[in-house]
Amino acid sequence: MQEGNLKAEQTLPRLAVDELDARRCERVQLRLHVGDLERDVVHAGAALGHELADGRVWPERPEELDAALADEQGGRLDPLLLDRVAVLQLSAEEPLVDADRLVEVRDCDPEVVDSAGSHGAMLDNRSVRAMVLDEPGRPLRTAELPEPNLGPGQVRVRVDACGVCRTDLHVVDGELPDPKLPLVPGHQAVGTVLEGEAEPGARVGVPWLGWTCGECRYCRSGRENLCDFARFTGYQVDGGYAEQIVADGRFCLSVPEGYPDEQAAPLLCAGLIGFRSLRFTGDAERLGLYGFGASAHIICQVARWQGRRVFAFTRPGDEEGQEFARSLGAEWAGSGQPPEKLDAAIIFAPAGELVPAALAAVAKGGVVVCAGIHMSDIPSFPYELLWGERVLRSVANLTRADGEEFLALAPRVPVRTEVEVFPLEQANEALQRLRVGKIRGAAVLRLG
């Protein structure tokens, strides 16, 4: 493109897709200044060139943008990671699609521009419905996104259902730092393999743990859940609030037969994190579960099958939740202190004030496990609550071994998940009901 063909140039912040009026569009080319970014790169199909007005010369090939970053991402460059772009409006005689260029559209109104990730709709008419987070603290928006690119070692999955997890809330509400933006949340996706590194037609689940390096001291010691370089679904890579998802085939899990999609989805995080937490309680007979939501209602069933006695803790006055817990085998349900000392407790609710309460409830030698990825500040408490060889610990993420073991166990119990189902477009409503504690069991988005 010669300088004479350049009609306008401006640097824009993150762009919005759903305001685009295609009838008033002219073609533009997007260019990314990777030097200003830590990890954001441009689509592998783009070859950028030409000197801009500020004197910067852009690389001619995408692999020159940031070789170390491309290697870190397994050679894949994600178009939805664009964070800052310079928009160059092309003249009318420029071809719409050039194999060596990334062509984009822009509304002629300077106030309305297209998403940096939506160029695929111009290059390929295939698109998928999705719910997108543009900024923490804002509602998700409905969007039509390009079909995600399939990279080496990945599988493309048609998502039939995706669980709505409290971790999704932490991401959406800004309680977890530095999410990929814009982001498709969701990490309990159940669906069917369409293509890639798995048998087409296979039924799989895409969980929270999306990739690990395999080389660090944690990965080499069977603790891949602690990998310093791990990437998490619905947080650092796009997740399952969409009709399709691409995922590393090595980290997808086989979904057990006998579970409809909506009932299987909560097993992938609520079940897996609960199961890992339960293992850290050892052989505790008297088990307390603080917060009786998606995880607790699953783990209550597993604990009773193992012969444990379950004590369920809910918000004061939550009679419906207490009755739900008793219906699943809890011998006591309420708030405050239990009728007798516990051998272990799992805290699922993200409330730091429950830590000293749980320590006070367990007997000497007891274990308190914090199961969440985020918790409000823990208030100070007297040492005597910890003394007596009580143990306080957290659980972080999951391993593939956790997933395989739990999904093999679930049909044997058998675990039965209770779900409230929402259409994809009502994801914000599902998140709000979860936020205020109005979900009985687990919330699930239906996409099929």
Protein backbone atom coordinates (compact mmCIF):
# COMPACT_ATOMS: atom_id res chain seq x y z
CA MET A 1 0.00 0.00 0.00
CA GLN A 2 1.56 3.26 -1.13
CA GLU A 3 1.43 6.43 0.91
CA GLY A 4 -0.90 7.97 -1.65
CA ASN A 5 -3.54 5.33 -0.92
CA LEU A 6 -3.53 6.05 2.80
CA LYS A 7 -6.55 8.15 3.70
CA ALA A 8 -6.47 8.17 7.51
CA GLU A 9 -4.56 6.83 10.46
CA GLN A 10 -5.37 6.84 14.12
CA THR A 11 -4.56 4.79 17.20
CA LEU A 12 -7.60 3.41 18.96
CA PRO A 13 -8.31 1.76 22.31
CA ARG A 14 -10.06 -1.62 22.49
CA LEU A 15 -12.83 -1.76 19.90
CA ALA A 16 -16.46 -2.86 20.22
CA VAL A 17 -17.95 -5.39 17.78
CA ASP A 18 -21.69 -5.27 18.34
CA GLU A 19 -22.08 -1.62 17.26
CA LEU A 20 -20.82 -2.23 13.71
CA ASP A 21 -23.16 -1.20 10.89
CA ALA A 22 -21.87 -3.21 7.91
CA ARG A 23 -23.79 -1.06 5.40
CA ARG A 24 -21.60 1.94 6.24
CA CYS A 25 -18.22 0.21 6.30
CA GLU A 26 -15.02 0.82 4.42
CA ARG A 27 -12.09 -1.56 4.52
CA VAL A 28 -9.19 -0.87 6.80
CA GLN A 29 -6.02 -2.64 7.77
CA LEU A 30 -5.06 -3.23 11.41
CA ARG A 31 -1.49 -3.02 12.62
CA LEU A 32 -0.23 -3.87 16.06
CA HIS A 33 2.74 -2.33 17.86
CA VAL A 34 3.83 -5.39 19.84
CA GLY A 35 6.66 -3.53 21.50
CA ASP A 36 4.13 -1.84 23.78
CA LEU A 37 2.61 -5.10 24.96
CA GLU A 38 3.60 -7.95 27.23
CA ARG A 39 1.85 -10.82 25.48
CA ASP A 40 -0.61 -9.53 22.91
CA VAL A 41 0.12 -10.55 19.32
CA VAL A 42 -1.58 -10.43 15.94
CA HIS A 43 -3.21 -13.15 13.84
CA ALA A 44 -0.85 -15.55 12.09
CA GLY A 45 -2.40 -14.76 8.72
CA ALA A 46 -1.27 -11.14 8.83
CA ALA A 47 1.93 -9.91 7.26
CA LEU A 48 2.46 -6.33 8.35
CA GLY A 49 4.50 -3.76 6.54
CA HIS A 50 4.81 -0.08 5.69
CA GLU A 51 6.18 2.83 7.62
CA LEU A 52 3.72 4.86 9.63
CA ALA A 53 3.69 8.59 10.20
CA ASP A 54 5.48 8.30 13.54
CA GLY A 55 8.47 6.64 11.86
CA ARG A 56 7.98 3.14 13.22
CA VAL A 57 8.53 0.36 10.70
CA TRP A 58 6.39 -2.70 11.22
CA PRO A 59 7.74 -6.22 10.66
CA GLU A 60 7.00 -7.91 7.34
CA ARG A 61 6.13 -11.28 8.87
CA PRO A 62 4.10 -12.06 12.02
CA GLU A 63 6.77 -14.42 13.36
CA GLU A 64 9.07 -11.39 13.61
CA LEU A 65 6.67 -9.63 15.99
CA ASP A 66 7.72 -11.52 19.07
CA ALA A 67 9.40 -14.89 18.51
CA ALA A 68 9.72 -15.64 22.22
CA LEU A 69 6.03 -15.00 22.75
CA ALA A 70 5.01 -17.10 19.76
CA ASP A 71 7.08 -19.97 21.14
CA GLU A 72 5.51 -19.55 24.58
CA GLN A 73 2.07 -19.91 23.03
CA GLY A 74 3.07 -23.07 21.18
CA GLY A 75 3.47 -21.21 17.93
CA ARG A 76 -0.10 -19.90 17.95
CA LEU A 77 -0.87 -16.21 17.64
CA ASP A 78 -4.30 -15.29 18.98
CA PRO A 79 -6.26 -12.58 17.13
CA LEU A 80 -8.45 -11.87 20.15
CA LEU A 81 -5.50 -10.64 22.21
CA LEU A 82 -5.16 -7.34 20.38
CA ASP A 83 -4.86 -4.54 22.92
CA ARG A 84 -3.79 -1.51 20.90
CA VAL A 85 -4.05 -1.12 17.15
CA ALA A 86 -3.36 1.52 14.55
CA VAL A 87 -6.16 1.67 11.99
CA LEU A 88 -5.28 2.47 8.37
CA GLN A 89 -8.26 3.09 6.08
CA LEU A 90 -7.68 1.63 2.61
CA SER A 91 -8.71 3.21 -0.63
CA ALA A 92 -11.70 1.79 -2.46
CA GLU A 93 -9.60 0.10 -5.18
CA GLU A 94 -7.73 -2.08 -2.66
CA PRO A 95 -8.77 -5.77 -2.88
CA LEU A 96 -11.03 -6.95 -0.07
CA VAL A 97 -8.94 -10.03 0.74
CA ASP A 98 -5.22 -10.35 0.20
CA ALA A 99 -3.57 -13.50 1.51
CA ASP A 100 -0.64 -11.47 2.80
CA ARG A 101 -2.71 -8.97 4.72
CA LEU A 102 -5.09 -8.80 7.62
CA VAL A 103 -8.10 -6.93 6.25
CA GLU A 104 -10.64 -5.44 8.65
CA VAL A 105 -13.78 -3.34 8.42
CA ARG A 106 -14.53 -0.06 10.11
CA ASP A 107 -17.72 1.98 10.29
CA CYS A 108 -17.37 5.30 8.50
CA ASP A 109 -18.62 6.99 11.66
CA PRO A 110 -15.40 7.53 13.72
CA GLU A 111 -17.33 6.81 16.92
CA VAL A 112 -18.25 3.28 15.81
CA VAL A 113 -15.56 0.72 15.10
CA ASP A 114 -15.32 -3.04 14.70
CA SER A 115 -13.74 -5.48 17.12
CA ALA A 116 -10.06 -6.31 16.64
CA GLY A 117 -11.07 -9.93 16.81
CA SER A 118 -13.84 -9.83 14.22
CA HIS A 119 -11.73 -9.82 11.05
CA GLY A 120 -12.48 -13.49 10.61
CA ALA A 121 -16.05 -12.62 9.70
CA MET A 122 -14.68 -10.89 6.59
CA LEU A 123 -12.19 -13.60 5.66
CA ASP A 124 -14.50 -16.49 6.51
CA ASN A 125 -18.26 -16.28 6.91
CA ARG A 126 -18.34 -18.87 9.67
CA SER A 127 -19.02 -17.32 13.07
CA VAL A 128 -20.08 -18.47 16.53
CA ARG A 129 -22.35 -16.96 19.15
CA ALA A 130 -20.55 -16.06 22.36
CA MET A 131 -20.77 -14.01 25.53
CA VAL A 132 -17.80 -11.67 25.84
CA LEU A 133 -16.24 -9.78 28.74
CA ASP A 134 -14.71 -6.50 27.54
CA GLU A 135 -13.80 -5.12 30.93
CA PRO A 136 -14.05 -6.49 34.49
CA GLY A 137 -17.03 -5.11 36.33
CA ARG A 138 -19.14 -4.80 33.20
CA PRO A 139 -21.88 -7.19 32.02
CA LEU A 140 -21.03 -9.69 29.33
CA ARG A 141 -22.15 -8.77 25.83
CA THR A 142 -23.62 -11.01 23.18
CA ALA A 143 -21.34 -11.26 20.15
CA GLU A 144 -20.83 -13.07 16.87
CA LEU A 145 -17.16 -14.04 16.83
CA PRO A 146 -15.13 -15.68 14.07
CA GLU A 147 -14.75 -19.40 14.34
CA PRO A 148 -11.66 -19.83 16.55
CA ASN A 149 -8.44 -20.88 14.85
CA LEU A 150 -7.27 -24.44 15.43
CA GLY A 151 -3.61 -24.69 16.41
CA PRO A 152 -1.18 -27.61 16.64
CA GLY A 153 -2.22 -30.17 19.24
CA GLN A 154 -5.64 -28.60 19.71
CA VAL A 155 -9.19 -29.84 19.26
CA ARG A 156 -12.18 -27.88 18.06
CA VAL A 157 -15.20 -28.63 20.22
CA ARG A 158 -18.83 -27.79 19.58
CA VAL A 159 -20.00 -26.66 23.01
CA ASP A 160 -23.34 -28.13 24.07
CA ALA A 161 -23.33 -26.92 27.68
CA CYS A 162 -21.06 -24.91 29.97
CA GLY A 163 -21.24 -24.66 33.73
CA VAL A 164 -21.32 -21.27 35.43
CA CYS A 165 -18.74 -21.29 38.21
CA ARG A 166 -17.95 -18.91 41.05
CA THR A 167 -14.51 -18.53 39.49
CA ASP A 168 -16.28 -17.03 36.45
CA LEU A 169 -17.77 -14.49 38.87
CA HIS A 170 -14.32 -13.66 40.25
CA VAL A 171 -13.07 -13.06 36.70
CA VAL A 172 -16.08 -10.99 35.63
CA ASP A 173 -16.08 -8.94 38.85
CA GLY A 174 -12.36 -8.17 38.58
CA GLU A 175 -11.26 -10.15 41.64
CA LEU A 176 -8.73 -12.15 39.62
CA PRO A 177 -5.99 -10.01 38.05
CA ASP A 178 -4.99 -9.59 34.40
CA PRO A 179 -7.52 -11.66 32.46
CA LYS A 180 -7.21 -11.87 28.70
CA LEU A 181 -9.45 -9.17 27.25
CA PRO A 182 -11.76 -9.32 25.47
CA LEU A 183 -12.52 -12.71 27.00
CA VAL A 184 -15.00 -15.51 26.51
CA PRO A 185 -15.44 -16.88 30.08
CA GLY A 186 -16.33 -20.42 31.09
CA HIS A 187 -14.28 -23.48 32.05
CA GLN A 188 -16.82 -26.28 32.45
CA ALA A 189 -17.56 -26.89 28.78
CA VAL A 190 -19.05 -30.17 27.58
CA GLY A 191 -19.28 -30.85 23.88
CA THR A 192 -18.38 -32.85 20.81
CA VAL A 193 -15.05 -32.88 19.01
CA LEU A 194 -15.35 -31.51 15.49
CA GLU A 195 -11.70 -31.80 14.42
CA GLY A 196 -8.15 -31.83 15.70
CA GLU A 197 -6.13 -34.06 18.01
CA ALA A 198 -9.02 -36.31 19.06
CA GLU A 199 -11.51 -38.56 17.35
CA PRO A 200 -14.26 -36.48 15.70
CA GLY A 201 -17.52 -37.14 17.49
CA ALA A 202 -15.86 -37.85 20.84
CA ARG A 203 -17.60 -36.30 23.84
CA VAL A 204 -15.18 -34.29 25.95
CA GLY A 205 -15.02 -31.78 28.74
CA VAL A 206 -12.80 -28.71 28.71
CA PRO A 207 -11.77 -27.86 32.30
CA TRP A 208 -10.04 -24.94 34.05
CA LEU A 209 -6.48 -26.19 33.51
CA GLY A 210 -5.85 -25.48 29.85
CA TRP A 211 -2.08 -25.85 29.41
CA THR A 212 1.10 -26.36 31.42
CA CYS A 213 4.75 -26.16 30.44
CA GLY A 214 5.64 -29.75 31.40
CA GLU A 215 9.19 -28.70 32.30
CA CYS A 216 9.11 -26.75 35.56
CA ARG A 217 9.76 -28.29 38.98
CA TYR A 218 6.04 -28.50 39.66
CA CYS A 219 5.18 -30.23 36.40
CA ARG A 220 8.06 -32.68 36.83
CA SER A 221 6.95 -33.59 40.37
CA GLY A 222 3.30 -34.40 39.60
CA ARG A 223 2.05 -30.95 40.61
CA GLU A 224 1.12 -29.47 37.26
CA ASN A 225 -1.70 -27.60 39.00
CA LEU A 226 1.00 -25.29 40.42
CA CYS A 227 2.85 -24.68 37.13
CA ASP A 228 4.11 -21.10 37.05
CA PHE A 229 3.37 -20.88 33.33
CA ALA A 230 -0.05 -22.53 33.32
CA ARG A 231 -2.85 -21.09 31.20
CA PHE A 232 -6.41 -21.35 32.38
CA THR A 233 -9.59 -21.75 30.35
CA GLY A 234 -11.97 -18.83 30.49
CA TYR A 235 -9.29 -16.63 32.08
CA GLN A 236 -6.14 -16.55 29.97
CA VAL A 237 -7.61 -18.36 26.96
CA ASP A 238 -11.17 -18.13 25.67
CA GLY A 239 -13.61 -20.45 27.35
CA GLY A 240 -16.94 -22.17 26.92
CA TYR A 241 -19.51 -19.35 26.88
CA ALA A 242 -19.51 -19.82 23.11
CA GLU A 243 -20.77 -22.26 20.50
CA GLN A 244 -17.21 -23.45 19.83
CA ILE A 245 -14.02 -23.67 21.82
CA VAL A 246 -10.51 -24.73 20.85
CA ALA A 247 -8.43 -26.41 23.54
CA ASP A 248 -5.22 -28.36 24.00
CA GLY A 249 -6.28 -31.95 23.36
CA ARG A 250 -4.02 -33.23 26.14
CA PHE A 251 -6.03 -31.39 28.78
CA CYS A 252 -9.51 -32.35 27.64
CA LEU A 253 -11.31 -34.98 29.71
CA SER A 254 -13.53 -37.83 28.64
CA VAL A 255 -17.07 -37.29 29.91
CA PRO A 256 -18.62 -40.38 31.52
CA GLU A 257 -21.63 -41.97 29.87
CA GLY A 258 -24.99 -41.57 31.52
CA TYR A 259 -24.65 -37.84 32.17
CA PRO A 260 -26.60 -35.43 29.95
CA ASP A 261 -24.54 -32.42 28.91
CA GLU A 262 -26.06 -30.06 31.46
CA GLN A 263 -25.57 -32.51 34.33
CA ALA A 264 -22.01 -33.33 33.28
CA ALA A 265 -20.78 -29.73 33.09
CA PRO A 266 -20.55 -29.04 36.88
CA LEU A 267 -18.40 -32.13 37.34
CA LEU A 268 -15.56 -30.37 35.48
CA CYS A 269 -14.80 -27.79 38.18
CA ALA A 270 -17.29 -27.88 41.02
CA GLY A 271 -16.77 -31.62 41.18
CA LEU A 272 -13.02 -31.68 40.49
CA ILE A 273 -12.04 -28.95 42.96
CA GLY A 274 -14.36 -30.42 45.56
CA PHE A 275 -12.84 -33.85 45.04
CA ARG A 276 -9.27 -32.55 45.36
CA SER A 277 -10.28 -30.71 48.53
CA LEU A 278 -11.91 -33.82 49.93
CA ARG A 279 -8.71 -35.83 49.45
CA PHE A 280 -6.82 -33.32 51.59
CA THR A 281 -9.15 -34.06 54.51
CA GLY A 282 -7.68 -37.56 54.76
CA ASP A 283 -9.95 -40.08 56.43
CA ALA A 284 -11.92 -37.51 58.45
CA GLU A 285 -15.22 -39.00 59.55
CA ARG A 286 -17.04 -35.82 60.61
CA LEU A 287 -16.84 -33.45 57.65
CA GLY A 288 -18.07 -29.86 57.56
CA LEU A 289 -18.95 -28.16 54.26
CA TYR A 290 -19.10 -24.36 54.43
CA GLY A 291 -21.21 -22.93 51.63
CA PHE A 292 -23.63 -25.44 50.12
CA GLY A 293 -23.49 -24.65 46.42
CA ALA A 294 -22.27 -26.38 43.27
CA SER A 295 -19.18 -28.04 44.78
CA ALA A 296 -20.66 -28.94 48.14
CA HIS A 297 -23.77 -30.57 46.73
CA ILE A 298 -21.53 -32.89 44.68
CA ILE A 299 -18.98 -33.63 47.40
CA CYS A 300 -21.70 -34.28 49.97
CA GLN A 301 -22.76 -37.24 47.84
CA VAL A 302 -19.19 -38.54 47.49
CA ALA A 303 -18.52 -38.16 51.22
CA ARG A 304 -21.68 -40.01 52.19
CA TRP A 305 -20.79 -42.81 49.71
CA GLN A 306 -17.41 -43.04 51.46
CA GLY A 307 -19.16 -43.45 54.81
CA ARG A 308 -18.44 -39.99 56.22
CA ARG A 309 -20.85 -37.91 58.27
CA VAL A 310 -21.60 -34.54 56.66
CA PHE A 311 -22.40 -31.27 58.42
CA ALA A 312 -23.54 -28.51 56.03
CA PHE A 313 -23.14 -24.80 56.78
CA THR A 314 -25.32 -22.26 54.98
CA ARG A 315 -26.14 -18.60 55.32
CA PRO A 316 -28.32 -17.83 58.38
CA GLY A 317 -31.95 -18.33 57.54
CA ASP A 318 -31.33 -20.29 54.34
CA GLU A 319 -33.89 -22.96 55.13
CA GLU A 320 -34.18 -24.04 51.50
CA GLY A 321 -30.43 -24.59 51.26
CA GLN A 322 -30.39 -26.48 54.54
CA GLU A 323 -33.20 -28.75 53.40
CA PHE A 324 -31.34 -29.31 50.12
CA ALA A 325 -28.25 -30.42 52.06
CA ARG A 326 -30.26 -32.80 54.23
CA SER A 327 -31.88 -34.29 51.12
CA LEU A 328 -28.41 -35.22 49.88
CA GLY A 329 -27.41 -36.97 53.09
CA ALA A 330 -26.16 -34.27 55.45
CA GLU A 331 -27.12 -35.24 59.00
CA TRP A 332 -27.04 -31.61 60.16
CA ALA A 333 -27.48 -28.34 58.29
CA GLY A 334 -27.45 -24.84 59.72
CA SER A 335 -25.22 -21.88 60.58
CA GLY A 336 -23.00 -21.15 63.55
CA GLN A 337 -21.26 -23.96 65.44
CA PRO A 338 -22.16 -27.59 64.69
CA PRO A 339 -23.62 -29.88 67.39
CA GLU A 340 -20.26 -31.64 67.79
CA LYS A 341 -16.62 -31.17 66.86
CA LEU A 342 -15.56 -31.91 63.29
CA ASP A 343 -12.55 -33.84 62.03
CA ALA A 344 -12.21 -31.68 58.93
CA ALA A 345 -13.90 -28.82 57.12
CA ILE A 346 -13.90 -27.60 53.51
CA ILE A 347 -14.67 -23.92 52.93
CA PHE A 348 -16.26 -23.36 49.52
CA ALA A 349 -17.70 -19.90 50.21
CA PRO A 350 -15.25 -17.05 49.39
CA ALA A 351 -15.66 -15.49 52.83
CA GLY A 352 -12.47 -15.10 54.88
CA GLU A 353 -14.39 -14.81 58.16
CA LEU A 354 -15.30 -18.49 57.85
CA VAL A 355 -11.67 -19.54 58.42
CA PRO A 356 -11.54 -18.83 62.17
CA ALA A 357 -15.08 -20.18 62.49
CA ALA A 358 -14.04 -23.45 60.86
CA LEU A 359 -10.87 -23.70 62.96
CA ALA A 360 -13.02 -23.30 66.06
CA ALA A 361 -15.32 -26.07 64.81
CA VAL A 362 -12.67 -28.74 64.17
CA ALA A 363 -11.19 -30.92 66.89
CA LYS A 364 -7.47 -31.09 67.64
CA GLY A 365 -5.59 -32.54 64.70
CA GLY A 366 -8.35 -31.41 62.37
CA VAL A 367 -7.90 -29.97 58.87
CA VAL A 368 -9.49 -26.88 57.33
CA VAL A 369 -9.26 -26.72 53.52
CA CYS A 370 -9.94 -23.48 51.60
CA ALA A 371 -11.23 -24.63 48.22
CA GLY A 372 -11.69 -21.36 46.37
CA ILE A 373 -9.39 -19.47 44.02
CA HIS A 374 -10.31 -16.19 45.72
CA MET A 375 -11.38 -15.30 49.24
CA SER A 376 -11.99 -12.09 51.13
CA ASP A 377 -9.38 -11.17 53.73
CA ILE A 378 -9.06 -13.56 56.64
CA PRO A 379 -9.48 -11.70 59.94
CA SER A 380 -6.90 -12.14 62.68
CA PHE A 381 -7.62 -14.90 65.16
CA PRO A 382 -6.00 -16.18 68.36
CA TYR A 383 -3.30 -18.80 67.98
CA GLU A 384 -5.24 -21.16 70.21
CA LEU A 385 -7.61 -21.82 67.28
CA LEU A 386 -4.70 -23.21 65.26
CA TRP A 387 -2.86 -24.82 68.15
CA GLY A 388 -3.50 -28.49 68.82
CA GLU A 389 -1.95 -29.53 65.50
CA ARG A 390 -4.82 -28.19 63.47
CA VAL A 391 -3.94 -27.65 59.80
CA LEU A 392 -5.07 -24.81 57.54
CA ARG A 393 -4.39 -25.18 53.82
CA SER A 394 -5.59 -24.14 50.38
CA VAL A 395 -6.30 -26.01 47.18
CA ALA A 396 -5.10 -24.60 43.86
CA ASN A 397 -6.49 -25.66 40.49
CA LEU A 398 -6.48 -29.35 39.50
CA THR A 399 -4.38 -31.91 37.70
CA ARG A 400 -5.39 -34.11 34.79
CA ALA A 401 -5.04 -37.08 37.13
CA ASP A 402 -7.63 -35.48 39.45
CA GLY A 403 -10.00 -35.20 36.52
CA GLU A 404 -9.55 -38.74 35.32
CA GLU A 405 -9.95 -40.19 38.83
CA PHE A 406 -13.03 -38.18 39.73
CA LEU A 407 -14.84 -38.69 36.42
CA ALA A 408 -14.28 -42.42 36.78
CA LEU A 409 -15.64 -42.29 40.36
CA ALA A 410 -18.72 -40.12 39.70
CA PRO A 411 -20.80 -42.84 37.96
CA ARG A 412 -19.96 -45.33 40.71
CA VAL A 413 -21.37 -43.18 43.54
CA PRO A 414 -23.40 -42.22 41.48
CA VAL A 415 -23.14 -38.42 41.68
CA ARG A 416 -26.29 -36.65 40.56
CA THR A 417 -25.92 -32.96 39.84
CA GLU A 418 -28.85 -30.61 40.32
CA VAL A 419 -28.73 -27.77 37.81
CA GLU A 420 -30.56 -24.61 36.81
CA VAL A 421 -30.29 -24.23 33.04
CA PHE A 422 -30.08 -20.90 31.21
CA PRO A 423 -29.75 -20.13 27.50
CA LEU A 424 -26.39 -18.67 26.50
CA GLU A 425 -27.80 -15.15 26.13
CA GLN A 426 -28.89 -15.19 29.79
CA ALA A 427 -25.35 -15.69 31.11
CA ASN A 428 -25.51 -12.37 32.97
CA GLU A 429 -28.69 -13.45 34.73
CA ALA A 430 -27.08 -16.77 35.72
CA LEU A 431 -24.03 -14.95 37.09
CA GLN A 432 -26.20 -12.54 39.07
CA ARG A 433 -28.24 -15.36 40.61
CA LEU A 434 -25.01 -17.07 41.57
CA ARG A 435 -23.64 -13.79 42.96
CA VAL A 436 -26.57 -13.42 45.38
CA GLY A 437 -26.75 -17.10 46.33
CA LYS A 438 -30.00 -17.93 44.52
CA ILE A 439 -28.80 -21.00 42.59
CA ARG A 440 -29.84 -24.42 43.89
CA GLY A 441 -27.00 -26.77 42.96
CA ALA A 442 -25.21 -25.48 39.87
CA ALA A 443 -25.99 -23.05 37.04
CA VAL A 444 -25.41 -24.23 33.47
CA LEU A 445 -25.64 -22.52 30.09
CA ARG A 446 -27.25 -24.55 27.31
CA LEU A 447 -25.83 -24.02 23.83
CA GLY A 448 -26.87 -27.13 21.93
